[in-house]
Amino acid sequence: MTAHLHFKENGMFNIALFGVGRIGRIHGQNIHDHTQTNVYSVIDPYVEGREELSEKYDAKIQTTEEAMADPNVDAVCICSATDTHVNLIELAAQHGKAIFCEKPIDLDLAKVRDCLKVVEENNSILFIGFNRRYDAHFNELKARLNDKAIGQVESLIITSRDPAAPPAEYAKTSGGMYRDMTIHDFDMVRYLMNAEPTSIKAYGSCMVDPEIGKAGDIDTSVIVLTFESGAIATINNSRRSGYGYDQRIEVHGSNGMLSAGNISENSVKQFGNQGAVEANPEYFFLQRYAGAYKNEWNHFVDVLGGATSLSPGIDGERALALADAALESLHSNKTVML
């Protein structure tokens, strides 16, 4: 931890916010709402967006160079385009700033590993935004797993389906389904199993939008991971559900099962002659994980005060490594040993 952060343990941390897009606005609000953090400055080439947030939070507008050199900036929150993450992380580490970065660190595993070396050399805080680790429901499931509530874990099933597919053009810049979407599920597999998988087999196809296939990506997938204990994890992904944002986890063990279901738009159920009707799952990730994003920022502030991070840089590297291995399996049609 950089020395000047200790002095602010009970005070206000100044945060430089990089990126004013959808996710930057979520984090900007959470930074503003926290009693120990302040949106000190906003950095983004999009003039209207940065001016809007600058006015909203009474924040400075800075260039990257100005923010990194400013001694009043305690930490950076990186929500800019993925291809800017490595450079910003390395600059922040070299300038003694604590770092919160949205996933992924980069789409290139070699670049990620080089970046983590720079972070380590500068003894910097690097916190990766795997928001699902901070969802209250998934955390309760994790706590019960840790307490051996269902004995030895035998299988894990993660279902993650988006309500609608992104434009096919998005696939060309996002790194593809595994690096963009499934990376959250790879992280949750490691987090819940508290172990590294020993093999991975990926199956994928285009069932939603043929244009995604033409762009070189998939939109439907099942991935099977095995563990040294004999346990098996399965990830079910689709870019389309049609009924909302489908997010479920089921863990089966020697003494029972744990499950965390969807959060519905409302809890009303209607019963009649035609059967039962209830609301769909919340439609989008910003609604489903609003609490998780807030909890995530709260934990980052705890880390600034000296707590141990629940999602350090190594988790970003390992999730990306699993995404790369899944792609290798998909293209080779073989099981990849890890």
Foldseek 3Di string as FASTA:
>chain_A
DFDVLQVQLPAAAEEEEEDQPDVSVLVLVLQVPDRRYAPAEYEDPPVVRRVVSCVVRVHHYDYLVCQLQDPRHAAYEYPDALVCQLVSLLSNLVSNHAYEYEDASHLDLVSLVVSVVSNVVSVHFYFYCLLVCQDPLVVVVLVCVVVCVQPAWAEKEKEWEAAAADPLVCCLRQSACQRRPVLSVLLSVCSSNVADFFKKAKAFAADHDVSNVVSPYGFWIKMWTAHPVNHIYIYTYGHHDNQATWTKMKIHHNRGIDIDGAAFPDDDWDQDPVGIDDGTGHHHPCVRRSVSSSSSVVVVSVVSNPDDHPGTSVSSSSSSVVSVLNVVNHVVVDMDTD
